[in-house]
Amino acid sequence: MQRGIVRFLALSFAGSIFFAAASVQAYDLPDFTALVDKNGPAVVNVQARQNGRDDDAAAIDDAEQEQVPEIFRRFFGPGGPGVPRGGRPGGVSLGSGFIISGDGYILTNNHVVDGADSVTVRLSDRRELDAKVIGSDAQYDIALLKVTATGLPAVTVGDSKKLKPGQWVLAIGSPFGFDHSVTAGIVSAVSRSFGGRDQQYVPFIQTDVAINRGNSGGPLFNLDGEVVGINSQILSNTGGFMGVSFAIPIDTAMSAVKQIKDKGFVSRGMIGVQIQDVNRELAQSLGLPRTGGALVNATTAGSAAEKAGIKVGDVIVSFAGVDVVHSSDLPPLVGATAPGSKVDVGVFRDGKTQMIPVTVAELTRDATAQSSAASPGAAGSNPLGMVVDDMTAEQRQQLGIKDEGVVVTRITGVPARRAALQPGDIVLMVGKQKVKTAAEFNNAVKGVQPGESVMLLVRRQDASLFVAVSVPKKTD
């Protein structure tokens, strides 16, 4: 009896192997070797150097940044922008990029080269060329580089709008400095929106392709060997790959490239509304037939929306013919619309949907959208090494904050890192001065000199505490 049971289990196991093998043959898994052979030479390693950095920056441990669970991190070097691994001399941070034309134009992430004094590109044939940052855009997180060379191998640009969940994609980059590493996976989702206001205009491609530090700025290919995205971010609470990666759609990136080449900056559309998601309770109270859309909770005085007649309490359900399912769907649609364009906005009001024509205005440009010639410093930089942004009405409502506070969106320097500040922190006061806008914050800290400290009142989750941020003395 016992022998019979063993025989049955063995046959069952063999059957499982058979069915598994049959499944593999049926789906005909792809061989990526030809794709890599053709496109690998167009992928480059990008080295961004910051001169005159404080040597202590090299000693900052990755664990300091990894204490925050489930945060979105950008990876081209451990610890955040500009922090080298193992105390690499001279403050060199590593990333990836790819050649988009044979005359030397290269695309990478803005956060790879942000604040760099010099940029070097290493080609697949081991040549190292100095690169000039032609222009960059922090909102889209792209940077356009140029090297002096001709006849370079270039990628083929695809159409990211054709991507669908389940399609195979492949990445080539330099994780942890290992040049031309190849990883593959599938598209997990498209048009993902997340994070703060600094990247609300990007409809990210979500994949399960293994992306790690150093992959930032590298290309994401489809099976036709076309670039469909730029690998940019991962979701991690350990600092390493956890199966959730995000890429900037190549359509978004190439639109920015054209604008940078033509006029030196990227312009975006704006209609001037503050919005929030519509949950089931709100949908019921508003009489909406389904949950979805973007509920308008404020309009900017004199804005395109106000001029067109959009009101507080309206639910925007479509923009230029595209359905708005979540409130986060709206900013990428508006931002990608050329200023001056006239579009129909679908608005649910008083139990029915109506189309309201809106002439899209231009989003006010700041240093993050300027070309390198007009903006030589790091975007939004200040002596404390942190970038802050205005809080949205939704953030204020969620946190119960009314009249003060700016949100930390990025840590860019040693002082803020030493003080253990983190993206997502809310700064309520600088010294004894309340701050409500990013402009007020930057104005309050701009006079802090090397060797001086400033007290910040910081709110993190439900607790508030004062944090002293010290700017190190300059060394000769």
Protein backbone atom coordinates (compact mmCIF):
# COMPACT_ATOMS: atom_id res chain seq x y z
CA MET A 1 0.00 0.00 0.00
CA GLN A 2 2.72 2.39 0.95
CA ARG A 3 4.69 1.54 -2.19
CA GLY A 4 1.60 2.31 -4.28
CA ILE A 5 1.24 5.74 -2.73
CA VAL A 6 4.85 6.53 -3.52
CA ARG A 7 4.36 5.46 -7.12
CA PHE A 8 1.25 7.67 -7.43
CA LEU A 9 3.10 10.71 -6.09
CA ALA A 10 5.97 10.11 -8.47
CA LEU A 11 3.61 9.91 -11.45
CA SER A 12 1.81 13.06 -10.33
CA PHE A 13 5.10 14.93 -10.03
CA ALA A 14 6.18 13.75 -13.46
CA GLY A 15 2.85 14.94 -14.84
CA SER A 16 3.41 18.37 -13.31
CA ILE A 17 6.78 18.59 -15.02
CA PHE A 18 5.18 17.66 -18.31
CA PHE A 19 2.47 20.30 -18.05
CA ALA A 20 4.99 22.91 -16.96
CA ALA A 21 7.20 22.13 -19.94
CA ALA A 22 4.21 22.28 -22.26
CA SER A 23 3.26 25.69 -20.87
CA VAL A 24 6.75 27.05 -21.49
CA GLN A 25 6.68 25.83 -25.09
CA ALA A 26 3.20 27.26 -25.62
CA TYR A 27 4.19 30.75 -24.48
CA ASP A 28 7.53 30.68 -26.33
CA LEU A 29 9.57 32.79 -23.90
CA PRO A 30 11.67 35.44 -25.68
CA ASP A 31 15.39 35.35 -26.32
CA PHE A 32 16.79 38.85 -25.72
CA THR A 33 20.31 38.30 -27.08
CA ALA A 34 19.74 39.92 -30.49
CA LEU A 35 18.07 42.92 -28.88
CA VAL A 36 20.98 43.39 -26.46
CA ASP A 37 23.63 42.94 -29.16
CA LYS A 38 21.99 45.62 -31.29
CA ASN A 39 21.18 48.19 -28.62
CA GLY A 40 23.83 47.64 -25.95
CA PRO A 41 26.41 49.91 -27.64
CA ALA A 42 23.99 52.87 -27.43
CA VAL A 43 23.77 52.61 -23.62
CA VAL A 44 26.30 54.63 -21.63
CA ASN A 45 27.52 55.05 -18.07
CA VAL A 46 27.11 58.58 -16.68
CA GLN A 47 29.43 59.93 -14.00
CA ALA A 48 28.46 63.23 -12.37
CA ARG A 49 31.05 64.96 -10.21
CA GLN A 50 30.51 67.63 -7.60
CA ASN A 51 33.72 69.48 -6.75
CA GLY A 52 34.43 70.97 -3.35
CA ARG A 53 32.07 68.67 -1.49
CA ASP A 54 32.40 68.18 2.24
CA ASP A 55 34.40 64.97 2.76
CA ASP A 56 32.06 63.86 5.53
CA ALA A 57 29.39 63.27 2.89
CA ALA A 58 31.19 60.10 1.88
CA ALA A 59 30.74 58.69 5.37
CA ILE A 60 26.94 58.95 5.45
CA ASP A 61 25.56 55.45 5.86
CA ASP A 62 22.79 54.16 3.61
CA ALA A 63 20.83 53.06 6.67
CA GLU A 64 20.09 56.68 7.52
CA GLN A 65 18.02 56.93 4.36
CA GLU A 66 16.50 53.46 4.71
CA GLN A 67 14.74 54.06 8.03
CA VAL A 68 11.69 55.44 6.22
CA PRO A 69 9.45 52.55 5.12
CA GLU A 70 7.98 52.33 1.64
CA ILE A 71 9.39 55.54 0.21
CA PHE A 72 10.05 56.19 -3.43
CA ARG A 73 13.78 56.45 -4.05
CA ARG A 74 15.79 57.59 -7.06
CA PHE A 75 18.88 55.52 -7.64
CA PHE A 76 22.13 56.54 -9.20
CA GLY A 77 24.22 56.43 -6.04
CA PRO A 78 23.60 55.29 -2.46
CA GLY A 79 22.18 57.63 0.10
CA GLY A 80 20.61 60.02 -2.36
CA PRO A 81 21.78 62.50 -4.96
CA GLY A 82 25.50 63.18 -4.89
CA VAL A 83 26.43 60.73 -2.13
CA PRO A 84 29.15 58.34 -3.31
CA ARG A 85 29.42 54.69 -2.27
CA GLY A 86 32.26 53.84 0.03
CA GLY A 87 33.56 57.40 0.09
CA ARG A 88 34.39 57.56 -3.58
CA PRO A 89 36.72 60.57 -3.86
CA GLY A 90 35.59 63.82 -5.39
CA GLY A 91 31.86 63.18 -4.93
CA VAL A 92 31.21 61.09 -8.05
CA SER A 93 27.71 59.70 -8.49
CA LEU A 94 26.90 57.09 -11.10
CA GLY A 95 23.95 56.59 -13.40
CA SER A 96 23.03 55.41 -16.87
CA GLY A 97 21.97 57.03 -20.12
CA PHE A 98 21.44 56.28 -23.78
CA ILE A 99 22.39 57.90 -27.07
CA ILE A 100 19.38 59.24 -28.97
CA SER A 101 21.26 60.54 -32.05
CA GLY A 102 24.58 59.76 -33.70
CA ASP A 103 25.82 63.34 -33.28
CA GLY A 104 26.19 62.93 -29.53
CA TYR A 105 22.87 63.72 -27.81
CA ILE A 106 22.30 61.57 -24.74
CA LEU A 107 19.26 61.23 -22.50
CA THR A 108 19.39 60.51 -18.76
CA ASN A 109 17.61 61.47 -15.53
CA ASN A 110 17.80 64.99 -14.17
CA HIS A 111 18.54 63.64 -10.70
CA VAL A 112 21.65 61.88 -12.02
CA VAL A 113 23.34 65.15 -13.02
CA ASP A 114 21.51 67.66 -10.81
CA GLY A 115 24.03 70.05 -9.24
CA ALA A 116 27.03 68.42 -10.95
CA ASP A 117 30.08 70.54 -11.78
CA SER A 118 31.22 68.12 -14.48
CA VAL A 119 29.73 65.12 -16.28
CA THR A 120 31.63 62.29 -17.96
CA VAL A 121 30.11 59.65 -20.22
CA ARG A 122 31.70 56.22 -20.70
CA LEU A 123 30.76 54.45 -23.94
CA SER A 124 30.56 50.72 -24.51
CA ASP A 125 33.97 50.78 -26.22
CA ARG A 126 35.42 52.22 -22.96
CA ARG A 127 35.94 55.71 -24.36
CA GLU A 128 35.27 58.45 -21.81
CA LEU A 129 33.93 61.76 -23.12
CA ASP A 130 33.15 65.01 -21.35
CA ALA A 131 29.45 65.84 -21.58
CA LYS A 132 27.66 69.18 -21.46
CA VAL A 133 24.23 69.43 -19.86
CA ILE A 134 22.22 71.09 -22.62
CA GLY A 135 19.14 71.36 -20.45
CA SER A 136 17.13 69.53 -17.84
CA ASP A 137 13.69 69.40 -16.31
CA ALA A 138 13.11 68.33 -12.72
CA GLN A 139 9.35 67.81 -13.09
CA TYR A 140 9.83 65.17 -15.79
CA ASP A 141 13.20 64.15 -14.28
CA ILE A 142 15.03 64.19 -17.61
CA ALA A 143 18.34 65.75 -18.68
CA LEU A 144 19.72 66.19 -22.18
CA LEU A 145 23.50 65.79 -22.52
CA LYS A 146 25.80 66.40 -25.49
CA VAL A 147 29.21 64.92 -26.22
CA THR A 148 31.52 65.95 -29.05
CA ALA A 149 31.45 62.94 -31.34
CA THR A 150 29.87 61.71 -34.55
CA GLY A 151 28.74 58.37 -35.89
CA LEU A 152 27.70 57.09 -32.48
CA PRO A 153 25.31 54.12 -32.18
CA ALA A 154 21.84 55.37 -31.29
CA VAL A 155 18.66 53.77 -30.02
CA THR A 156 15.36 53.64 -31.86
CA VAL A 157 12.65 55.60 -30.08
CA GLY A 158 9.34 53.77 -29.75
CA ASP A 159 5.78 54.71 -28.79
CA SER A 160 5.11 54.35 -25.08
CA LYS A 161 1.38 54.91 -25.63
CA LYS A 162 1.17 51.43 -27.14
CA LEU A 163 2.44 49.72 -23.99
CA LYS A 164 0.06 47.34 -22.24
CA PRO A 165 0.32 45.46 -18.94
CA GLY A 166 1.82 42.02 -19.49
CA GLN A 167 4.17 42.99 -22.33
CA TRP A 168 7.82 42.04 -22.05
CA VAL A 169 10.34 44.85 -21.46
CA LEU A 170 14.09 44.91 -20.92
CA ALA A 171 16.47 47.32 -19.19
CA ILE A 172 20.17 47.93 -19.78
CA GLY A 173 22.13 50.01 -17.27
CA SER A 174 24.87 50.21 -14.67
CA PRO A 175 23.48 48.98 -11.34
CA PHE A 176 26.10 49.48 -8.61
CA GLY A 177 28.58 50.42 -11.35
CA PHE A 178 28.29 47.13 -13.28
CA ASP A 179 28.13 48.52 -16.82
CA HIS A 180 25.73 47.07 -19.38
CA SER A 181 23.83 44.83 -17.00
CA VAL A 182 20.67 43.42 -18.59
CA THR A 183 17.43 42.72 -16.71
CA ALA A 184 13.99 41.83 -18.04
CA GLY A 185 10.40 41.62 -16.89
CA ILE A 186 6.93 42.73 -17.83
CA VAL A 187 4.89 45.92 -17.76
CA SER A 188 2.92 45.80 -14.52
CA ALA A 189 0.78 48.89 -15.18
CA VAL A 190 0.77 52.11 -17.17
CA SER A 191 -0.10 55.71 -16.28
CA ARG A 192 0.87 55.33 -12.64
CA SER A 193 0.96 58.52 -10.58
CA PHE A 194 2.56 58.84 -7.17
CA GLY A 195 4.81 60.97 -4.98
CA GLY A 196 4.73 64.69 -4.37
CA ARG A 197 4.07 67.64 -6.61
CA ASP A 198 7.58 67.50 -8.06
CA GLN A 199 6.56 64.70 -10.46
CA GLN A 200 2.79 64.87 -10.65
CA TYR A 201 2.98 65.42 -14.42
CA VAL A 202 4.58 62.03 -15.20
CA PRO A 203 2.31 59.06 -16.08
CA PHE A 204 4.85 56.44 -14.99
CA ILE A 205 5.25 52.97 -16.49
CA GLN A 206 5.33 50.38 -13.69
CA THR A 207 7.37 47.22 -14.31
CA ASP A 208 8.83 44.30 -12.39
CA VAL A 209 12.19 44.69 -14.15
CA ALA A 210 15.05 44.58 -11.64
CA ILE A 211 16.22 48.19 -11.25
CA ASN A 212 18.83 49.21 -8.68
CA ARG A 213 21.19 52.07 -7.90
CA GLY A 214 22.98 53.07 -11.06
CA ASN A 215 20.13 52.03 -13.38
CA SER A 216 18.65 55.53 -13.23
CA GLY A 217 18.58 57.17 -16.64
CA GLY A 218 18.95 53.91 -18.54
CA PRO A 219 16.60 52.78 -21.33
CA LEU A 220 13.60 50.48 -21.10
CA PHE A 221 13.13 48.51 -24.35
CA ASN A 222 10.18 46.66 -25.84
CA LEU A 223 10.64 43.41 -27.76
CA ASP A 224 11.03 45.35 -31.02
CA GLY A 225 14.21 46.91 -29.62
CA GLU A 226 12.61 50.34 -29.25
CA VAL A 227 13.07 52.55 -26.22
CA VAL A 228 9.72 53.03 -24.50
CA GLY A 229 10.85 54.49 -21.17
CA ILE A 230 13.64 55.84 -18.97
CA ASN A 231 14.19 53.89 -15.75
CA SER A 232 13.82 56.36 -12.92
CA GLN A 233 12.55 55.12 -9.56
CA ILE A 234 11.78 52.08 -7.45
CA LEU A 235 9.52 51.46 -4.48
CA SER A 236 11.59 50.06 -1.64
CA ASN A 237 11.88 49.99 2.12
CA THR A 238 15.30 48.37 2.06
CA GLY A 239 17.18 50.39 -0.55
CA GLY A 240 17.15 47.50 -3.03
CA PHE A 241 14.88 46.17 -5.76
CA MET A 242 11.57 44.74 -4.48
CA GLY A 243 9.70 44.07 -7.71
CA VAL A 244 8.19 47.52 -8.24
CA SER A 245 10.03 49.81 -10.66
CA PHE A 246 8.98 52.93 -12.53
CA ALA A 247 10.01 54.42 -15.86
CA ILE A 248 9.27 57.76 -17.50
CA PRO A 249 7.39 57.23 -20.79
CA ILE A 250 9.63 58.00 -23.76
CA ASP A 251 6.85 60.09 -25.34
CA THR A 252 6.96 62.42 -22.32
CA ALA A 253 10.75 62.54 -22.38
CA MET A 254 11.08 63.25 -26.10
CA SER A 255 8.51 66.04 -25.89
CA ALA A 256 10.71 67.63 -23.24
CA VAL A 257 13.83 67.07 -25.36
CA LYS A 258 12.28 68.92 -28.30
CA GLN A 259 11.34 71.87 -26.11
CA ILE A 260 14.79 72.02 -24.52
CA LYS A 261 16.40 72.04 -27.97
CA ASP A 262 13.96 74.62 -29.35
CA LYS A 263 13.69 77.09 -26.47
CA GLY A 264 15.88 75.89 -23.61
CA PHE A 265 13.11 74.92 -21.20
CA VAL A 266 9.95 72.83 -20.85
CA SER A 267 6.56 74.54 -20.69
CA ARG A 268 3.40 72.90 -19.34
CA GLY A 269 -0.28 73.56 -19.37
CA MET A 270 -2.22 74.68 -16.30
CA ILE A 271 -5.90 75.31 -15.64
CA GLY A 272 -5.65 76.35 -11.99
CA VAL A 273 -7.65 73.89 -9.89
CA GLN A 274 -6.97 72.03 -6.67
CA ILE A 275 -8.44 68.55 -6.75
CA GLN A 276 -8.98 65.40 -4.73
CA ASP A 277 -10.14 61.83 -5.31
CA VAL A 278 -13.81 60.93 -5.26
CA ASN A 279 -14.55 58.03 -2.92
CA ARG A 280 -17.80 56.09 -2.66
CA GLU A 281 -19.31 58.37 -0.02
CA LEU A 282 -18.51 61.52 -2.02
CA ALA A 283 -19.85 59.94 -5.20
CA GLN A 284 -23.13 59.13 -3.47
CA SER A 285 -23.50 62.60 -2.02
CA LEU A 286 -22.75 64.20 -5.38
CA GLY A 287 -25.06 61.91 -7.28
CA LEU A 288 -22.26 60.52 -9.42
CA PRO A 289 -23.21 57.30 -11.22
CA ARG A 290 -19.78 55.81 -10.42
CA THR A 291 -16.79 56.45 -8.20
CA GLY A 292 -14.10 58.40 -10.03
CA GLY A 293 -13.05 61.75 -11.39
CA ALA A 294 -11.30 64.71 -9.82
CA LEU A 295 -13.31 66.75 -7.33
CA VAL A 296 -12.49 70.47 -7.50
CA ASN A 297 -11.98 71.84 -3.98
CA ALA A 298 -10.46 75.19 -4.99
CA THR A 299 -9.83 77.32 -8.06
CA THR A 300 -7.09 79.89 -8.47
CA ALA A 301 -8.29 83.45 -8.90
CA GLY A 302 -7.99 84.55 -12.52
CA SER A 303 -7.08 81.04 -13.67
CA ALA A 304 -8.14 79.35 -16.88
CA ALA A 305 -10.61 77.18 -14.95
CA GLU A 306 -12.22 80.13 -13.21
CA LYS A 307 -12.50 82.07 -16.46
CA ALA A 308 -14.13 79.06 -18.12
CA GLY A 309 -16.69 78.71 -15.34
CA ILE A 310 -15.42 75.64 -13.50
CA LYS A 311 -16.57 75.81 -9.89
CA VAL A 312 -15.71 74.33 -6.51
CA GLY A 313 -17.73 71.14 -6.14
CA ASP A 314 -17.49 70.22 -9.83
CA VAL A 315 -16.11 66.79 -10.67
CA ILE A 316 -13.82 66.70 -13.69
CA VAL A 317 -14.53 63.39 -15.43
CA SER A 318 -12.67 63.93 -18.70
CA PHE A 319 -10.06 66.19 -20.24
CA ALA A 320 -9.64 66.57 -24.02
CA GLY A 321 -11.59 63.35 -24.57
CA VAL A 322 -9.59 61.26 -22.06
CA ASP A 323 -11.42 59.85 -19.03
CA VAL A 324 -10.24 61.00 -15.60
CA VAL A 325 -10.59 57.99 -13.31
CA HIS A 326 -8.40 59.20 -10.44
CA SER A 327 -7.57 62.77 -9.52
CA SER A 328 -3.91 61.96 -10.22
CA ASP A 329 -4.82 61.30 -13.87
CA LEU A 330 -5.54 64.99 -14.47
CA PRO A 331 -2.13 66.71 -13.92
CA PRO A 332 -0.28 64.67 -16.61
CA LEU A 333 -3.04 65.39 -19.11
CA VAL A 334 -3.07 69.12 -18.40
CA GLY A 335 0.70 69.40 -18.16
CA ALA A 336 1.21 67.75 -21.55
CA THR A 337 -1.19 70.18 -23.23
CA ALA A 338 0.43 73.10 -25.02
CA PRO A 339 -0.36 76.45 -23.37
CA GLY A 340 -2.93 78.35 -25.42
CA SER A 341 -4.72 75.19 -26.54
CA LYS A 342 -8.49 75.09 -26.24
CA VAL A 343 -9.81 71.79 -24.87
CA ASP A 344 -13.16 70.43 -23.74
CA VAL A 345 -13.30 69.53 -20.05
CA GLY A 346 -16.01 67.11 -18.99
CA VAL A 347 -17.57 68.31 -15.72
CA PHE A 348 -20.22 66.58 -13.63
CA ARG A 349 -22.45 69.18 -11.95
CA ASP A 350 -25.99 69.07 -10.58
CA GLY A 351 -26.61 65.49 -11.68
CA LYS A 352 -25.39 65.77 -15.26
CA THR A 353 -22.17 65.96 -17.28
CA GLN A 354 -21.44 69.00 -19.42
CA MET A 355 -18.53 69.99 -21.62
CA ILE A 356 -16.81 73.23 -20.75
CA PRO A 357 -14.28 74.68 -23.22
CA VAL A 358 -11.12 75.80 -21.41
CA THR A 359 -8.17 77.71 -22.85
CA VAL A 360 -5.15 76.17 -21.15
CA ALA A 361 -2.70 78.59 -19.55
CA GLU A 362 1.02 78.08 -18.97
CA LEU A 363 2.31 76.71 -15.68
CA THR A 364 4.64 79.22 -14.05
CA ARG A 365 8.20 78.14 -14.71
CA ASP A 366 10.83 78.04 -11.98
CA ALA A 367 14.46 77.05 -11.83
CA THR A 368 13.59 73.37 -12.27
CA ALA A 369 12.48 73.97 -15.84
CA GLN A 370 15.30 76.22 -16.97
CA SER A 371 18.10 75.20 -19.28
CA SER A 372 21.58 74.85 -17.85
CA ALA A 373 22.67 78.11 -19.44
CA ALA A 374 20.03 80.06 -17.55
CA SER A 375 20.18 78.06 -14.34
CA PRO A 376 23.71 76.95 -13.43
CA GLY A 377 22.91 75.85 -9.89
CA ALA A 378 20.89 72.97 -8.54
CA ALA A 379 17.17 73.47 -8.92
CA GLY A 380 15.59 74.74 -5.74
CA SER A 381 18.90 74.50 -3.90
CA ASN A 382 19.60 76.35 -0.66
CA PRO A 383 22.35 76.25 2.00
CA LEU A 384 20.56 73.50 3.93
CA GLY A 385 20.65 71.02 1.04
CA MET A 386 16.92 70.38 0.74
CA VAL A 387 14.14 71.10 -1.73
CA VAL A 388 10.69 72.04 -0.47
CA ASP A 389 7.37 72.62 -2.20
CA ASP A 390 4.05 74.24 -1.34
CA MET A 391 1.52 71.97 0.33
CA THR A 392 -1.63 71.10 -1.57
CA ALA A 393 -5.08 71.71 -0.12
CA GLU A 394 -5.54 67.94 0.12
CA GLN A 395 -2.31 67.56 2.13
CA ARG A 396 -3.35 70.33 4.50
CA GLN A 397 -6.75 68.74 4.99
CA GLN A 398 -5.28 65.31 5.66
CA LEU A 399 -2.74 66.63 8.17
CA GLY A 400 -4.98 69.25 9.76
CA ILE A 401 -2.54 72.05 8.93
CA LYS A 402 -4.08 75.39 7.96
CA ASP A 403 -1.76 78.38 7.79
CA GLU A 404 1.80 77.14 7.74
CA GLY A 405 4.05 74.42 6.42
CA VAL A 406 6.00 73.34 3.34
CA VAL A 407 6.70 69.76 2.34
CA VAL A 408 10.24 68.41 1.84
CA THR A 409 10.38 66.80 -1.61
CA ARG A 410 14.09 66.07 -1.96
CA ILE A 411 17.29 65.95 0.11
CA THR A 412 20.20 67.25 -1.94
CA GLY A 413 23.02 68.04 0.47
CA VAL A 414 24.99 67.14 3.57
CA PRO A 415 23.38 69.50 6.15
CA ALA A 416 19.86 68.11 5.70
CA ARG A 417 21.12 64.52 5.64
CA ARG A 418 23.09 64.99 8.85
CA ALA A 419 19.94 66.31 10.49
CA ALA A 420 18.11 63.13 9.34
CA LEU A 421 15.49 65.11 7.42
CA GLN A 422 13.45 63.07 4.98
CA PRO A 423 11.21 63.60 1.94
CA GLY A 424 7.67 63.98 3.24
CA ASP A 425 8.65 65.96 6.34
CA ILE A 426 6.63 69.14 6.87
CA VAL A 427 8.63 72.23 7.87
CA LEU A 428 6.41 74.54 9.91
CA MET A 429 8.89 77.18 11.10
CA VAL A 430 12.38 78.47 10.37
CA GLY A 431 13.66 79.76 13.69
CA LYS A 432 10.62 81.59 15.11
CA GLN A 433 9.22 82.46 11.70
CA LYS A 434 6.29 80.50 10.29
CA VAL A 435 6.63 79.53 6.63
CA LYS A 436 3.69 78.80 4.35
CA THR A 437 5.27 78.71 0.89
CA ALA A 438 8.46 77.37 -0.62
CA ALA A 439 9.44 80.93 -1.51
CA GLU A 440 9.11 82.01 2.14
CA PHE A 441 11.22 79.03 3.27
CA ASN A 442 14.01 79.65 0.76
CA ASN A 443 14.04 83.36 1.61
CA ALA A 444 14.27 82.55 5.34
CA VAL A 445 17.28 80.23 4.97
CA LYS A 446 19.20 81.87 2.14
CA GLY A 447 21.31 83.93 4.56
CA VAL A 448 22.61 80.95 6.56
CA GLN A 449 26.40 80.98 6.31
CA PRO A 450 28.91 78.11 6.53
CA GLY A 451 29.49 77.29 10.19
CA GLU A 452 26.02 78.50 11.23
CA SER A 453 22.95 76.52 12.32
CA VAL A 454 19.26 77.11 11.92
CA MET A 455 16.36 75.62 13.90
CA LEU A 456 13.48 74.09 11.98
CA LEU A 457 10.16 73.01 13.47
CA VAL A 458 9.42 69.77 11.63
CA ARG A 459 6.29 67.65 11.63
CA ARG A 460 6.67 63.96 10.83
CA GLN A 461 3.53 61.83 10.92
CA ASP A 462 1.73 62.94 14.13
CA ALA A 463 4.75 64.38 15.97
CA SER A 464 6.43 67.79 15.75
CA LEU A 465 9.99 68.46 16.81
CA PHE A 466 12.67 71.10 16.45
CA VAL A 467 15.67 70.05 14.34
CA ALA A 468 18.96 71.93 14.20
CA VAL A 469 20.49 71.98 10.72
CA SER A 470 24.15 72.99 10.61
CA VAL A 471 25.91 74.18 7.46
CA PRO A 472 29.51 72.90 7.55
CA LYS A 473 32.42 75.27 7.24
CA LYS A 474 34.14 75.37 3.88
CA THR A 475 37.56 73.77 3.71
CA ASP A 476 40.44 75.05 1.64
